[in-house]
PDB file of N, CA and C in Angstrom:
ATOM      1  N   UNK A   1       4.579   8.441  13.885  1.00  0.00           N
ATOM      2  CA  UNK A   1       4.480   9.438  12.739  1.00  0.00           C
ATOM      3  C   UNK A   1       3.190   8.786  11.975  1.00  0.00           C
ATOM      4  N   UNK A   2       2.539   9.763  11.376  1.00  0.00           N
ATOM      5  CA  UNK A   2       1.610   9.543  10.353  1.00  0.00           C
ATOM      6  C   UNK A   2       2.060   9.138   8.992  1.00  0.00           C
ATOM      7  N   UNK A   3       1.540   7.916   8.314  1.00  0.00           N
ATOM      8  CA  UNK A   3       2.038   7.521   7.203  1.00  0.00           C
ATOM      9  C   UNK A   3       1.057   8.535   5.979  1.00  0.00           C
ATOM     10  N   UNK A   4       1.500   9.622   5.494  1.00  0.00           N
ATOM     11  CA  UNK A   4       0.787  10.337   4.607  1.00  0.00           C
ATOM     12  C   UNK A   4      -0.139   9.657   3.571  1.00  0.00           C
ATOM     13  N   UNK A   5       0.485   8.666   3.028  1.00  0.00           N
ATOM     14  CA  UNK A   5      -0.097   7.662   1.911  1.00  0.00           C
ATOM     15  C   UNK A   5      -1.375   7.200   2.427  1.00  0.00           C
ATOM     16  N   UNK A   6      -1.091   6.340   3.659  1.00  0.00           N
ATOM     17  CA  UNK A   6      -2.190   5.710   4.300  1.00  0.00           C
ATOM     18  C   UNK A   6      -3.302   6.653   4.849  1.00  0.00           C
ATOM     19  N   UNK A   7      -2.892   7.912   5.323  1.00  0.00           N
ATOM     20  CA  UNK A   7      -3.697   8.988   6.038  1.00  0.00           C
ATOM     21  C   UNK A   7      -4.804   9.467   4.716  1.00  0.00           C
ATOM     22  N   UNK A   8      -4.122   9.470   3.627  1.00  0.00           N
ATOM     23  CA  UNK A   8      -4.979  10.170   2.444  1.00  0.00           C
ATOM     24  C   UNK A   8      -5.865   9.008   1.907  1.00  0.00           C
ATOM     25  N   UNK A   9      -5.361   7.498   2.093  1.00  0.00           N
ATOM     26  CA  UNK A   9      -6.411   6.678   1.661  1.00  0.00           C
ATOM     27  C   UNK A   9      -7.573   6.684   2.694  1.00  0.00           C
ATOM     28  N   UNK A  10      -7.572   6.853   3.849  1.00  0.00           N
ATOM     29  CA  UNK A  10      -8.444   6.862   4.923  1.00  0.00           C
ATOM     30  C   UNK A  10      -9.232   7.975   4.797  1.00  0.00           C
ATOM     31  N   UNK A  11      -8.571   9.131   4.519  1.00  0.00           N
ATOM     32  CA  UNK A  11      -9.334  10.198   4.250  1.00  0.00           C
ATOM     33  C   UNK A  11     -10.233  10.336   2.954  1.00  0.00           C
ATOM     34  N   UNK A  12      -9.567   9.534   2.060  1.00  0.00           N
ATOM     35  CA  UNK A  12     -10.626   9.341   0.720  1.00  0.00           C
ATOM     36  C   UNK A  12     -11.664   8.367   1.042  1.00  0.00           C
ATOM     37  N   UNK A  13     -11.553   7.524   1.936  1.00  0.00           N
ATOM     38  CA  UNK A  13     -12.536   6.413   2.308  1.00  0.00           C
ATOM     39  C   UNK A  13     -13.724   7.392   3.067  1.00  0.00           C
ATOM     40  N   UNK A  14     -13.364   8.197   3.891  1.00  0.00           N
ATOM     41  CA  UNK A  14     -14.453   9.077   4.498  1.00  0.00           C
ATOM     42  C   UNK A  14     -15.344   9.914   3.519  1.00  0.00           C
ATOM     43  N   UNK A  15     -14.510  10.469   2.689  1.00  0.00           N
ATOM     44  CA  UNK A  15     -15.139  11.298   1.488  1.00  0.00           C
ATOM     45  C   UNK A  15     -15.978  10.444   0.853  1.00  0.00           C
ATOM     46  N   UNK A  16     -15.547   9.213   0.315  1.00  0.00           N
ATOM     47  CA  UNK A  16     -16.458   8.292  -0.470  1.00  0.00           C
ATOM     48  C   UNK A  16     -17.885   7.908   0.299  1.00  0.00           C
ATOM     49  N   UNK A  17     -17.475   7.429   1.741  1.00  0.00           N
ATOM     50  CA  UNK A  17     -18.386   7.101   2.592  1.00  0.00           C
ATOM     51  C   UNK A  17     -19.746   7.898   2.722  1.00  0.00           C
ATOM     52  N   UNK A  18     -19.308   9.242   2.579  1.00  0.00           N
ATOM     53  CA  UNK A  18     -20.515  10.471   2.789  1.00  0.00           C
ATOM     54  C   UNK A  18     -20.770  10.913   1.363  1.00  0.00           C
ATOM     55  N   UNK A  19     -20.328  10.230   0.424  1.00  0.00           N
ATOM     56  CA  UNK A  19     -20.788  10.545  -1.051  1.00  0.00           C
ATOM     57  C   UNK A  19     -20.429  12.052  -1.315  1.00  0.00           C
ATOM     58  N   UNK A  20     -19.273  12.569  -0.807  1.00  0.00           N
ATOM     59  CA  UNK A  20     -18.791  14.034  -0.834  1.00  0.00           C
ATOM     60  C   UNK A  20     -17.826  14.114  -1.966  1.00  0.00           C
ATOM     61  N   UNK A  21     -17.697  15.038  -2.596  1.00  0.00           N
ATOM     62  CA  UNK A  21     -16.726  15.572  -3.480  1.00  0.00           C
ATOM     63  C   UNK A  21     -15.542  16.231  -2.534  1.00  0.00           C
ATOM     64  N   UNK A  22     -14.224  16.342  -3.118  1.00  0.00           N
ATOM     65  CA  UNK A  22     -13.249  17.037  -2.170  1.00  0.00           C
ATOM     66  C   UNK A  22     -13.834  18.288  -1.843  1.00  0.00           C
ATOM     67  N   UNK A  23     -14.409  18.927  -2.971  1.00  0.00           N
ATOM     68  CA  UNK A  23     -14.807  20.214  -2.758  1.00  0.00           C
ATOM     69  C   UNK A  23     -16.033  20.533  -1.715  1.00  0.00           C
ATOM     70  N   UNK A  24     -16.845  19.703  -1.809  1.00  0.00           N
ATOM     71  CA  UNK A  24     -17.998  19.699  -0.546  1.00  0.00           C
ATOM     72  C   UNK A  24     -17.404  19.248   0.633  1.00  0.00           C
ATOM     73  N   UNK A  25     -16.679  18.353   0.716  1.00  0.00           N
ATOM     74  CA  UNK A  25     -15.956  17.994   2.043  1.00  0.00           C
ATOM     75  C   UNK A  25     -15.160  19.194   2.661  1.00  0.00           C
ATOM     76  N   UNK A  26     -14.565  19.787   1.700  1.00  0.00           N
ATOM     77  CA  UNK A  26     -13.846  21.125   2.483  1.00  0.00           C
ATOM     78  C   UNK A  26     -14.808  22.059   2.966  1.00  0.00           C
ATOM     79  N   UNK A  27     -15.782  22.173   2.093  1.00  0.00           N
ATOM     80  CA  UNK A  27     -16.872  23.172   2.526  1.00  0.00           C
ATOM     81  C   UNK A  27     -17.384  22.698   4.147  1.00  0.00           C
ATOM     82  N   UNK A  28     -17.724  21.568   3.968  1.00  0.00           N
ATOM     83  CA  UNK A  28     -18.382  21.040   5.466  1.00  0.00           C
ATOM     84  C   UNK A  28     -17.365  21.071   6.559  1.00  0.00           C
ATOM     85  N   UNK A  29     -16.133  20.828   6.503  1.00  0.00           N
ATOM     86  CA  UNK A  29     -15.281  20.954   7.509  1.00  0.00           C
ATOM     87  C   UNK A  29     -14.744  22.259   7.765  1.00  0.00           C
ATOM     88  N   UNK A  30     -14.778  23.136   6.650  1.00  0.00           N
ATOM     89  CA  UNK A  30     -14.413  24.634   6.859  1.00  0.00           C
ATOM     90  C   UNK A  30     -13.024  24.734   6.715  1.00  0.00           C
ATOM     91  N   UNK A  31     -12.352  24.130   5.539  1.00  0.00           N
ATOM     92  CA  UNK A  31     -10.940  24.409   5.178  1.00  0.00           C
ATOM     93  C   UNK A  31     -11.107  24.708   3.505  1.00  0.00           C
ATOM     94  N   UNK A  32      -9.979  25.116   3.257  1.00  0.00           N
ATOM     95  CA  UNK A  32      -9.670  25.461   1.684  1.00  0.00           C
ATOM     96  C   UNK A  32      -9.792  24.276   1.074  1.00  0.00           C
ATOM     97  N   UNK A  33     -10.153  24.276  -0.187  1.00  0.00           N
ATOM     98  CA  UNK A  33     -10.205  23.216  -1.172  1.00  0.00           C
ATOM     99  C   UNK A  33      -8.900  22.668  -1.565  1.00  0.00           C
ATOM    100  N   UNK A  34      -7.814  23.536  -1.509  1.00  0.00           N
ATOM    101  CA  UNK A  34      -6.540  23.099  -1.682  1.00  0.00           C
ATOM    102  C   UNK A  34      -5.920  22.231  -0.692  1.00  0.00           C
ATOM    103  N   UNK A  35      -6.461  22.605   0.491  1.00  0.00           N
ATOM    104  CA  UNK A  35      -5.952  21.638   1.642  1.00  0.00           C
ATOM    105  C   UNK A  35      -6.348  20.119   1.542  1.00  0.00           C
ATOM    106  N   UNK A  36      -7.568  19.899   0.970  1.00  0.00           N
ATOM    107  CA  UNK A  36      -7.890  18.415   0.746  1.00  0.00           C
ATOM    108  C   UNK A  36      -7.044  17.972  -0.266  1.00  0.00           C
ATOM    109  N   UNK A  37      -6.852  18.760  -1.553  1.00  0.00           N
ATOM    110  CA  UNK A  37      -6.074  18.321  -2.568  1.00  0.00           C
ATOM    111  C   UNK A  37      -4.727  18.078  -2.279  1.00  0.00           C
ATOM    112  N   UNK A  38      -4.179  18.855  -1.478  1.00  0.00           N
ATOM    113  CA  UNK A  38      -2.686  18.693  -1.008  1.00  0.00           C
ATOM    114  C   UNK A  38      -2.343  17.528  -0.201  1.00  0.00           C
ATOM    115  N   UNK A  39      -3.482  17.234   0.781  1.00  0.00           N
ATOM    116  CA  UNK A  39      -3.472  16.136   1.709  1.00  0.00           C
ATOM    117  C   UNK A  39      -3.492  14.844   0.944  1.00  0.00           C
ATOM    118  N   UNK A  40      -4.565  14.742   0.152  1.00  0.00           N
ATOM    119  CA  UNK A  40      -5.007  13.530  -0.627  1.00  0.00           C
ATOM    120  C   UNK A  40      -3.702  13.001  -1.634  1.00  0.00           C
ATOM    121  N   UNK A  41      -3.163  14.320  -2.108  1.00  0.00           N
ATOM    122  CA  UNK A  41      -1.918  13.825  -3.052  1.00  0.00           C
ATOM    123  C   UNK A  41      -0.719  13.722  -2.220  1.00  0.00           C
ATOM    124  N   UNK A  42      -0.732  13.807  -1.070  1.00  0.00           N
ATOM    125  CA  UNK A  42       0.683  13.484  -0.278  1.00  0.00           C
ATOM    126  C   UNK A  42       1.583  14.603  -0.177  1.00  0.00           C
ATOM    127  N   UNK A  43       1.213  15.801  -0.846  1.00  0.00           N
ATOM    128  CA  UNK A  43       2.028  16.857  -0.782  1.00  0.00           C
ATOM    129  C   UNK A  43       2.093  17.701   0.679  1.00  0.00           C
ATOM    130  N   UNK A  44       0.970  17.573   1.345  1.00  0.00           N
ATOM    131  CA  UNK A  44       0.932  18.084   2.632  1.00  0.00           C
ATOM    132  C   UNK A  44       0.591  17.003   3.783  1.00  0.00           C
ATOM    133  N   UNK A  45       0.928  17.325   4.950  1.00  0.00           N
ATOM    134  CA  UNK A  45       0.518  16.379   6.063  1.00  0.00           C
ATOM    135  C   UNK A  45      -0.432  17.186   6.739  1.00  0.00           C
ATOM    136  N   UNK A  46      -1.552  16.404   7.132  1.00  0.00           N
ATOM    137  CA  UNK A  46      -2.746  17.010   7.868  1.00  0.00           C
ATOM    138  C   UNK A  46      -2.458  17.686   9.172  1.00  0.00           C
ATOM    139  N   UNK A  47      -2.755  18.894   9.357  1.00  0.00           N
ATOM    140  CA  UNK A  47      -2.564  19.669  10.717  1.00  0.00           C
ATOM    141  C   UNK A  47      -3.386  19.096  11.599  1.00  0.00           C
ATOM    142  N   UNK A  48      -3.167  19.364  13.025  1.00  0.00           N
ATOM    143  CA  UNK A  48      -4.043  18.934  14.079  1.00  0.00           C
ATOM    144  C   UNK A  48      -5.478  19.711  14.031  1.00  0.00           C
ATOM    145  N   UNK A  49      -5.449  20.857  13.634  1.00  0.00           N
ATOM    146  CA  UNK A  49      -6.605  21.570  13.252  1.00  0.00           C
ATOM    147  C   UNK A  49      -7.522  20.883  12.192  1.00  0.00           C
ATOM    148  N   UNK A  50      -6.962  20.394  11.089  1.00  0.00           N
ATOM    149  CA  UNK A  50      -7.580  19.706  10.081  1.00  0.00           C
ATOM    150  C   UNK A  50      -8.339  18.459  10.600  1.00  0.00           C
ATOM    151  N   UNK A  51      -7.301  17.687  11.499  1.00  0.00           N
ATOM    152  CA  UNK A  51      -7.836  16.418  11.987  1.00  0.00           C
ATOM    153  C   UNK A  51      -9.102  16.726  12.849  1.00  0.00           C
ATOM    154  N   UNK A  52      -8.989  17.786  13.704  1.00  0.00           N
ATOM    155  CA  UNK A  52     -10.171  17.941  14.658  1.00  0.00           C
ATOM    156  C   UNK A  52     -11.369  18.239  13.938  1.00  0.00           C
ATOM    157  N   UNK A  53     -11.288  19.123  12.960  1.00  0.00           N
ATOM    158  CA  UNK A  53     -12.526  19.578  11.888  1.00  0.00           C
ATOM    159  C   UNK A  53     -13.073  18.400  11.254  1.00  0.00           C
ATOM    160  N   UNK A  54     -12.212  17.371  10.953  1.00  0.00           N
ATOM    161  CA  UNK A  54     -13.041  16.127  10.454  1.00  0.00           C
ATOM    162  C   UNK A  54     -13.791  15.540  11.415  1.00  0.00           C
ATOM    163  N   UNK A  55     -13.150  15.330  12.683  1.00  0.00           N
ATOM    164  CA  UNK A  55     -13.708  14.474  13.827  1.00  0.00           C
ATOM    165  C   UNK A  55     -15.041  15.294  14.029  1.00  0.00           C
ATOM    166  N   UNK A  56     -15.032  16.680  14.069  1.00  0.00           N
ATOM    167  CA  UNK A  56     -16.191  17.245  14.738  1.00  0.00           C
ATOM    168  C   UNK A  56     -17.374  17.327  13.629  1.00  0.00           C
ATOM    169  N   UNK A  57     -16.981  17.429  12.422  1.00  0.00           N
ATOM    170  CA  UNK A  57     -17.975  17.371  11.388  1.00  0.00           C
ATOM    171  C   UNK A  57     -18.463  15.911  11.054  1.00  0.00           C
ATOM    172  N   UNK A  58     -17.697  14.755  11.236  1.00  0.00           N
ATOM    173  CA  UNK A  58     -18.058  13.544  10.870  1.00  0.00           C
ATOM    174  C   UNK A  58     -17.991  12.557  12.171  1.00  0.00           C
ATOM    175  N   UNK A  59     -19.119  12.506  13.188  1.00  0.00           N
ATOM    176  CA  UNK A  59     -18.736  11.944  14.429  1.00  0.00           C
ATOM    177  C   UNK A  59     -18.597  10.332  14.186  1.00  0.00           C
ATOM    178  N   UNK A  60     -18.869   9.709  13.105  1.00  0.00           N
ATOM    179  CA  UNK A  60     -18.509   8.284  12.918  1.00  0.00           C
ATOM    180  C   UNK A  60     -17.104   8.009  12.736  1.00  0.00           C
ATOM    181  N   UNK A  61     -16.338   9.054  12.407  1.00  0.00           N
ATOM    182  CA  UNK A  61     -14.893   8.811  12.123  1.00  0.00           C
ATOM    183  C   UNK A  61     -14.085   8.949  13.674  1.00  0.00           C
ATOM    184  N   UNK A  62     -13.314   7.851  13.874  1.00  0.00           N
ATOM    185  CA  UNK A  62     -12.545   7.744  15.143  1.00  0.00           C
ATOM    186  C   UNK A  62     -11.233   8.263  14.933  1.00  0.00           C
ATOM    187  N   UNK A  63     -10.625   9.007  15.946  1.00  0.00           N
ATOM    188  CA  UNK A  63      -9.500   9.599  15.780  1.00  0.00           C
ATOM    189  C   UNK A  63      -8.281   8.751  15.442  1.00  0.00           C
ATOM    190  N   UNK A  64      -8.324   7.479  16.283  1.00  0.00           N
ATOM    191  CA  UNK A  64      -7.201   6.587  16.095  1.00  0.00           C
ATOM    192  C   UNK A  64      -7.189   5.911  14.834  1.00  0.00           C
ATOM    193  N   UNK A  65      -8.298   5.590  14.238  1.00  0.00           N
ATOM    194  CA  UNK A  65      -8.483   5.147  12.961  1.00  0.00           C
ATOM    195  C   UNK A  65      -7.928   6.093  11.821  1.00  0.00           C
ATOM    196  N   UNK A  66      -8.210   7.264  12.038  1.00  0.00           N
ATOM    197  CA  UNK A  66      -8.015   8.467  10.996  1.00  0.00           C
ATOM    198  C   UNK A  66      -6.525   8.422  10.890  1.00  0.00           C
ATOM    199  N   UNK A  67      -5.998   8.465  12.079  1.00  0.00           N
ATOM    200  CA  UNK A  67      -4.312   8.622  12.380  1.00  0.00           C
ATOM    201  C   UNK A  67      -3.607   7.633  12.053  1.00  0.00           C
ATOM    202  N   UNK A  68      -3.978   6.360  12.383  1.00  0.00           N
ATOM    203  CA  UNK A  68      -3.247   5.176  12.377  1.00  0.00           C
ATOM    204  C   UNK A  68      -3.838   4.008  11.755  1.00  0.00           C
ATOM    205  N   UNK A  69      -4.974   4.166  11.286  1.00  0.00           N
ATOM    206  CA  UNK A  69      -5.644   3.076  10.748  1.00  0.00           C
ATOM    207  C   UNK A  69      -6.081   1.870  11.764  1.00  0.00           C
ATOM    208  N   UNK A  70      -5.972   2.162  13.207  1.00  0.00           N
ATOM    209  CA  UNK A  70      -6.237   1.243  14.063  1.00  0.00           C
ATOM    210  C   UNK A  70      -7.899   1.505  14.516  1.00  0.00           C
ATOM    211  N   UNK A  71      -8.552   0.225  14.630  1.00  0.00           N
ATOM    212  CA  UNK A  71      -9.975   0.594  14.816  1.00  0.00           C
ATOM    213  C   UNK A  71     -10.788   0.113  13.567  1.00  0.00           C
ATOM    214  N   UNK A  72     -11.931   0.798  13.708  1.00  0.00           N
ATOM    215  CA  UNK A  72     -12.888   0.771  12.362  1.00  0.00           C
ATOM    216  C   UNK A  72     -13.476   1.994  12.132  1.00  0.00           C
ATOM    217  N   UNK A  73     -14.067   2.048  10.845  1.00  0.00           N
ATOM    218  CA  UNK A  73     -14.707   3.115  10.157  1.00  0.00           C
ATOM    219  C   UNK A  73     -15.935   2.374   9.499  1.00  0.00           C
ATOM    220  N   UNK A  74     -17.023   3.150   9.531  1.00  0.00           N
ATOM    221  CA  UNK A  74     -17.515   3.762  10.715  1.00  0.00           C
ATOM    222  C   UNK A  74     -17.495   3.314  12.117  1.00  0.00           C
ATOM    223  N   UNK A  75     -17.356   4.200  13.021  1.00  0.00           N
ATOM    224  CA  UNK A  75     -17.442   3.745  14.414  1.00  0.00           C
ATOM    225  C   UNK A  75     -18.655   2.757  14.555  1.00  0.00           C
ATOM    226  N   UNK A  76     -18.849   1.778  14.918  1.00  0.00           N
ATOM    227  CA  UNK A  76     -19.998   0.938  15.187  1.00  0.00           C
ATOM    228  C   UNK A  76     -20.743   1.418  15.979  1.00  0.00           C
ATOM    229  N   UNK A  77     -20.286   1.748  17.377  1.00  0.00           N
ATOM    230  CA  UNK A  77     -21.089   2.070  18.330  1.00  0.00           C
ATOM    231  C   UNK A  77     -21.952   3.496  17.994  1.00  0.00           C
ATOM    232  N   UNK A  78     -21.410   4.407  17.216  1.00  0.00           N
ATOM    233  CA  UNK A  78     -21.997   5.601  16.780  1.00  0.00           C
ATOM    234  C   UNK A  78     -23.015   5.277  15.805  1.00  0.00           C
ATOM    235  N   UNK A  79     -22.695   4.396  15.017  1.00  0.00           N
ATOM    236  CA  UNK A  79     -23.660   4.073  13.750  1.00  0.00           C
ATOM    237  C   UNK A  79     -24.986   3.417  14.285  1.00  0.00           C
ATOM    238  N   UNK A  80     -24.784   2.613  15.380  1.00  0.00           N
ATOM    239  CA  UNK A  80     -25.750   1.819  15.952  1.00  0.00           C
ATOM    240  C   UNK A  80     -26.634   2.790  16.681  1.00  0.00           C
ATOM    241  N   UNK A  81     -26.122   3.653  17.463  1.00  0.00           N
ATOM    242  CA  UNK A  81     -26.731   4.710  18.193  1.00  0.00           C
ATOM    243  C   UNK A  81     -27.763   5.566  17.434  1.00  0.00           C
ATOM    244  N   UNK A  82     -26.925   5.826  16.262  1.00  0.00           N
ATOM    245  CA  UNK A  82     -27.630   6.788  15.251  1.00  0.00           C
ATOM    246  C   UNK A  82     -28.749   6.309  14.513  1.00  0.00           C
ATOM    247  N   UNK A  83     -28.534   4.856  14.108  1.00  0.00           N
ATOM    248  CA  UNK A  83     -29.620   4.272  13.371  1.00  0.00           C
ATOM    249  C   UNK A  83     -30.747   3.954  14.588  1.00  0.00           C
ATOM    250  N   UNK A  84     -30.536   3.888  15.600  1.00  0.00           N
ATOM    251  CA  UNK A  84     -31.622   3.685  16.807  1.00  0.00           C
ATOM    252  C   UNK A  84     -32.193   5.211  17.347  1.00  0.00           C
ATOM    253  N   UNK A  85     -31.841   6.082  16.769  1.00  0.00           N
ATOM    254  CA  UNK A  85     -32.008   7.510  17.275  1.00  0.00           C
ATOM    255  C   UNK A  85     -31.701   7.708  18.644  1.00  0.00           C
ATOM    256  N   UNK A  86     -30.727   7.145  19.206  1.00  0.00           N
ATOM    257  CA  UNK A  86     -30.329   7.466  20.541  1.00  0.00           C
ATOM    258  C   UNK A  86     -29.130   8.125  20.734  1.00  0.00           C
ATOM    259  N   UNK A  87     -28.821   8.912  19.782  1.00  0.00           N
ATOM    260  CA  UNK A  87     -27.659   9.916  19.893  1.00  0.00           C
ATOM    261  C   UNK A  87     -27.942  10.935  20.976  1.00  0.00           C
ATOM    262  N   UNK A  88     -27.065  10.772  21.992  1.00  0.00           N
ATOM    263  CA  UNK A  88     -27.500  11.766  23.114  1.00  0.00           C
ATOM    264  C   UNK A  88     -27.254  13.253  22.523  1.00  0.00           C
ATOM    265  N   UNK A  89     -28.118  14.034  23.078  1.00  0.00           N
ATOM    266  CA  UNK A  89     -28.185  15.368  22.390  1.00  0.00           C
ATOM    267  C   UNK A  89     -27.297  16.242  23.487  1.00  0.00           C
ATOM    268  N   UNK A  90     -26.732  17.135  23.315  1.00  0.00           N
ATOM    269  CA  UNK A  90     -26.257  18.205  24.151  1.00  0.00           C
ATOM    270  C   UNK A  90     -27.094  18.500  25.019  1.00  0.00           C
ATOM    271  N   UNK A  91     -27.186  18.529  26.386  1.00  0.00           N
ATOM    272  CA  UNK A  91     -28.130  19.139  27.145  1.00  0.00           C
ATOM    273  C   UNK A  91     -27.817  20.716  27.390  1.00  0.00           C
ATOM    274  N   UNK A  92     -28.633  21.493  27.046  1.00  0.00           N
ATOM    275  CA  UNK A  92     -28.312  22.800  27.303  1.00  0.00           C
ATOM    276  C   UNK A  92     -27.790  23.207  29.019  1.00  0.00           C
ATOM    277  N   UNK A  93     -27.061  23.869  28.973  1.00  0.00           N
ATOM    278  CA  UNK A  93     -26.580  24.418  30.378  1.00  0.00           C
ATOM    279  C   UNK A  93     -27.404  25.564  30.725  1.00  0.00           C
ATOM    280  N   UNK A  94     -27.958  25.738  31.884  1.00  0.00           N
ATOM    281  CA  UNK A  94     -28.539  26.641  32.429  1.00  0.00           C
ATOM    282  C   UNK A  94     -27.604  28.043  32.493  1.00  0.00           C
ATOM    283  N   UNK A  95     -27.945  29.070  32.071  1.00  0.00           N
ATOM    284  CA  UNK A  95     -27.265  30.276  32.164  1.00  0.00           C
ATOM    285  C   UNK A  95     -27.968  31.293  32.958  1.00  0.00           C
ATOM    286  N   UNK A  96     -27.304  31.910  33.688  1.00  0.00           N
ATOM    287  CA  UNK A  96     -28.035  33.137  34.268  1.00  0.00           C
ATOM    288  C   UNK A  96     -27.638  34.322  33.470  1.00  0.00           C
ATOM    289  N   UNK A  97     -28.648  35.239  33.265  1.00  0.00           N
ATOM    290  CA  UNK A  97     -28.410  36.458  32.329  1.00  0.00           C
ATOM    291  C   UNK A  97     -27.343  37.349  33.115  1.00  0.00           C
ATOM    292  N   UNK A  98     -27.306  37.315  34.315  1.00  0.00           N
ATOM    293  CA  UNK A  98     -26.297  38.208  35.055  1.00  0.00           C
ATOM    294  C   UNK A  98     -24.940  37.651  34.803  1.00  0.00           C
ATOM    295  N   UNK A  99     -24.720  36.398  34.899  1.00  0.00           N
ATOM    296  CA  UNK A  99     -23.531  35.948  34.844  1.00  0.00           C
ATOM    297  C   UNK A  99     -22.953  35.365  33.549  1.00  0.00           C
ATOM    298  N   UNK A 100     -23.905  35.314  32.360  1.00  0.00           N
ATOM    299  CA  UNK A 100     -23.446  34.915  31.086  1.00  0.00           C
ATOM    300  C   UNK A 100     -22.659  35.900  30.414  1.00  0.00           C
ATOM    301  N   UNK A 101     -21.536  35.577  29.765  1.00  0.00           N
ATOM    302  CA  UNK A 101     -20.647  36.174  28.909  1.00  0.00           C
ATOM    303  C   UNK A 101     -20.957  35.906  27.624  1.00  0.00           C
ATOM    304  N   UNK A 102     -21.170  36.826  26.600  1.00  0.00           N
ATOM    305  CA  UNK A 102     -21.488  36.641  25.274  1.00  0.00           C
ATOM    306  C   UNK A 102     -20.315  35.748  24.528  1.00  0.00           C
ATOM    307  N   UNK A 103     -19.182  35.875  24.812  1.00  0.00           N
ATOM    308  CA  UNK A 103     -18.060  35.322  24.145  1.00  0.00           C
ATOM    309  C   UNK A 103     -17.453  34.410  24.845  1.00  0.00           C
ATOM    310  N   UNK A 104     -17.874  33.750  25.830  1.00  0.00           N
ATOM    311  CA  UNK A 104     -17.239  32.911  26.870  1.00  0.00           C
ATOM    312  C   UNK A 104     -17.111  31.565  25.955  1.00  0.00           C
ATOM    313  N   UNK A 105     -16.014  30.817  26.145  1.00  0.00           N
ATOM    314  CA  UNK A 105     -15.778  29.500  25.442  1.00  0.00           C
ATOM    315  C   UNK A 105     -15.390  28.564  26.515  1.00  0.00           C
ATOM    316  N   UNK A 106     -15.585  27.427  26.521  1.00  0.00           N
ATOM    317  CA  UNK A 106     -15.593  26.239  27.263  1.00  0.00           C
ATOM    318  C   UNK A 106     -14.518  25.223  26.419  1.00  0.00           C
ATOM    319  N   UNK A 107     -13.759  24.527  27.225  1.00  0.00           N
ATOM    320  CA  UNK A 107     -13.215  23.551  26.508  1.00  0.00           C
ATOM    321  C   UNK A 107     -13.908  22.360  26.585  1.00  0.00           C
ATOM    322  N   UNK A 108     -14.210  21.501  25.350  1.00  0.00           N
ATOM    323  CA  UNK A 108     -14.669  20.323  25.342  1.00  0.00           C
ATOM    324  C   UNK A 108     -13.749  19.133  25.322  1.00  0.00           C
ATOM    325  N   UNK A 109     -12.796  19.206  24.708  1.00  0.00           N
ATOM    326  CA  UNK A 109     -11.822  18.107  24.600  1.00  0.00           C
ATOM    327  C   UNK A 109     -10.462  18.509  24.243  1.00  0.00           C
ATOM    328  N   UNK A 110      -9.574  17.650  25.085  1.00  0.00           N
ATOM    329  CA  UNK A 110      -8.183  17.933  24.656  1.00  0.00           C
ATOM    330  C   UNK A 110      -7.578  16.614  24.330  1.00  0.00           C
ATOM    331  N   UNK A 111      -6.872  16.755  23.228  1.00  0.00           N
ATOM    332  CA  UNK A 111      -6.039  15.643  22.721  1.00  0.00           C
ATOM    333  C   UNK A 111      -4.590  15.881  22.727  1.00  0.00           C
ATOM    334  N   UNK A 112      -3.750  14.978  23.404  1.00  0.00           N
ATOM    335  CA  UNK A 112      -2.471  14.939  23.579  1.00  0.00           C
ATOM    336  C   UNK A 112      -1.832  13.907  22.606  1.00  0.00           C
ATOM    337  N   UNK A 113      -1.000  14.240  21.717  1.00  0.00           N
ATOM    338  CA  UNK A 113      -0.214  13.510  20.721  1.00  0.00           C
ATOM    339  C   UNK A 113       1.067  13.310  21.399  1.00  0.00           C
ATOM    340  N   UNK A 114       1.563  11.890  21.450  1.00  0.00           N
ATOM    341  CA  UNK A 114       2.752  11.664  21.739  1.00  0.00           C
ATOM    342  C   UNK A 114       3.778  11.328  20.578  1.00  0.00           C
ATOM    343  N   UNK A 115       5.109  11.397  20.694  1.00  0.00           N
ATOM    344  CA  UNK A 115       6.021  11.150  19.551  1.00  0.00           C
ATOM    345  C   UNK A 115       5.854   9.871  19.029  1.00  0.00           C
ATOM    346  N   UNK A 116       5.611   8.671  19.872  1.00  0.00           N
ATOM    347  CA  UNK A 116       5.423   7.408  19.180  1.00  0.00           C
ATOM    348  C   UNK A 116       4.230   7.087  18.637  1.00  0.00           C
ATOM    349  N   UNK A 117       3.512   8.002  18.167  1.00  0.00           N
ATOM    350  CA  UNK A 117       2.329   7.981  17.523  1.00  0.00           C
ATOM    351  C   UNK A 117       0.935   7.532  18.253  1.00  0.00           C
ATOM    352  N   UNK A 118       1.202   7.383  19.413  1.00  0.00           N
ATOM    353  CA  UNK A 118      -0.088   7.247  20.580  1.00  0.00           C
ATOM    354  C   UNK A 118      -0.638   8.748  20.783  1.00  0.00           C
ATOM    355  N   UNK A 119      -1.995   8.606  21.391  1.00  0.00           N
ATOM    356  CA  UNK A 119      -2.332   9.732  21.883  1.00  0.00           C
ATOM    357  C   UNK A 119      -3.303   9.601  23.054  1.00  0.00           C
ATOM    358  N   UNK A 120      -3.685  10.567  23.597  1.00  0.00           N
ATOM    359  CA  UNK A 120      -4.776  10.533  24.879  1.00  0.00           C
ATOM    360  C   UNK A 120      -5.537  11.615  24.837  1.00  0.00           C
ATOM    361  N   UNK A 121      -7.011  11.054  24.926  1.00  0.00           N
ATOM    362  CA  UNK A 121      -8.074  12.111  24.786  1.00  0.00           C
ATOM    363  C   UNK A 121      -8.437  12.471  26.158  1.00  0.00           C
ATOM    364  N   UNK A 122      -8.948  13.748  26.397  1.00  0.00           N
ATOM    365  CA  UNK A 122      -9.490  14.069  27.621  1.00  0.00           C
ATOM    366  C   UNK A 122     -10.683  14.786  27.354  1.00  0.00           C
ATOM    367  N   UNK A 123     -11.976  14.230  27.718  1.00  0.00           N
ATOM    368  CA  UNK A 123     -13.204  14.887  27.451  1.00  0.00           C
ATOM    369  C   UNK A 123     -14.076  15.228  28.640  1.00  0.00           C
ATOM    370  N   UNK A 124     -14.409  16.443  28.387  1.00  0.00           N
ATOM    371  CA  UNK A 124     -15.221  17.061  29.556  1.00  0.00           C
ATOM    372  C   UNK A 124     -16.536  16.218  29.721  1.00  0.00           C
ATOM    373  N   UNK A 125     -16.840  15.889  30.986  1.00  0.00           N
ATOM    374  CA  UNK A 125     -18.039  15.175  31.234  1.00  0.00           C
ATOM    375  C   UNK A 125     -19.183  16.134  31.276  1.00  0.00           C
TER     376      UNK A 125
END
């Protein structure tokens, strides 16, 4: 299980690291400002959607660190790559105008959470 108090401390660390206010942080990840306030105060637990929005908006945040405090923040491998300007860009996928669908969505990553607090990530290559 996620410890709400510890999660709130780690979330505050992320907000401070990026020199954001709770309000600007909520705007960046696309959630209501009250959501941040309720999580930081311990009133609410973070939803999976909330966690995924944090991870997609701030790539230096590692999932396991954010949830359980294991690992490091910021993720050193991502910080080093960013500093050296070697962050791999997403390669545009060739599309045929005949086969392309406007609203087609592809799965990028699937995260499975287990009841013992562990998880497994499946990332599309």
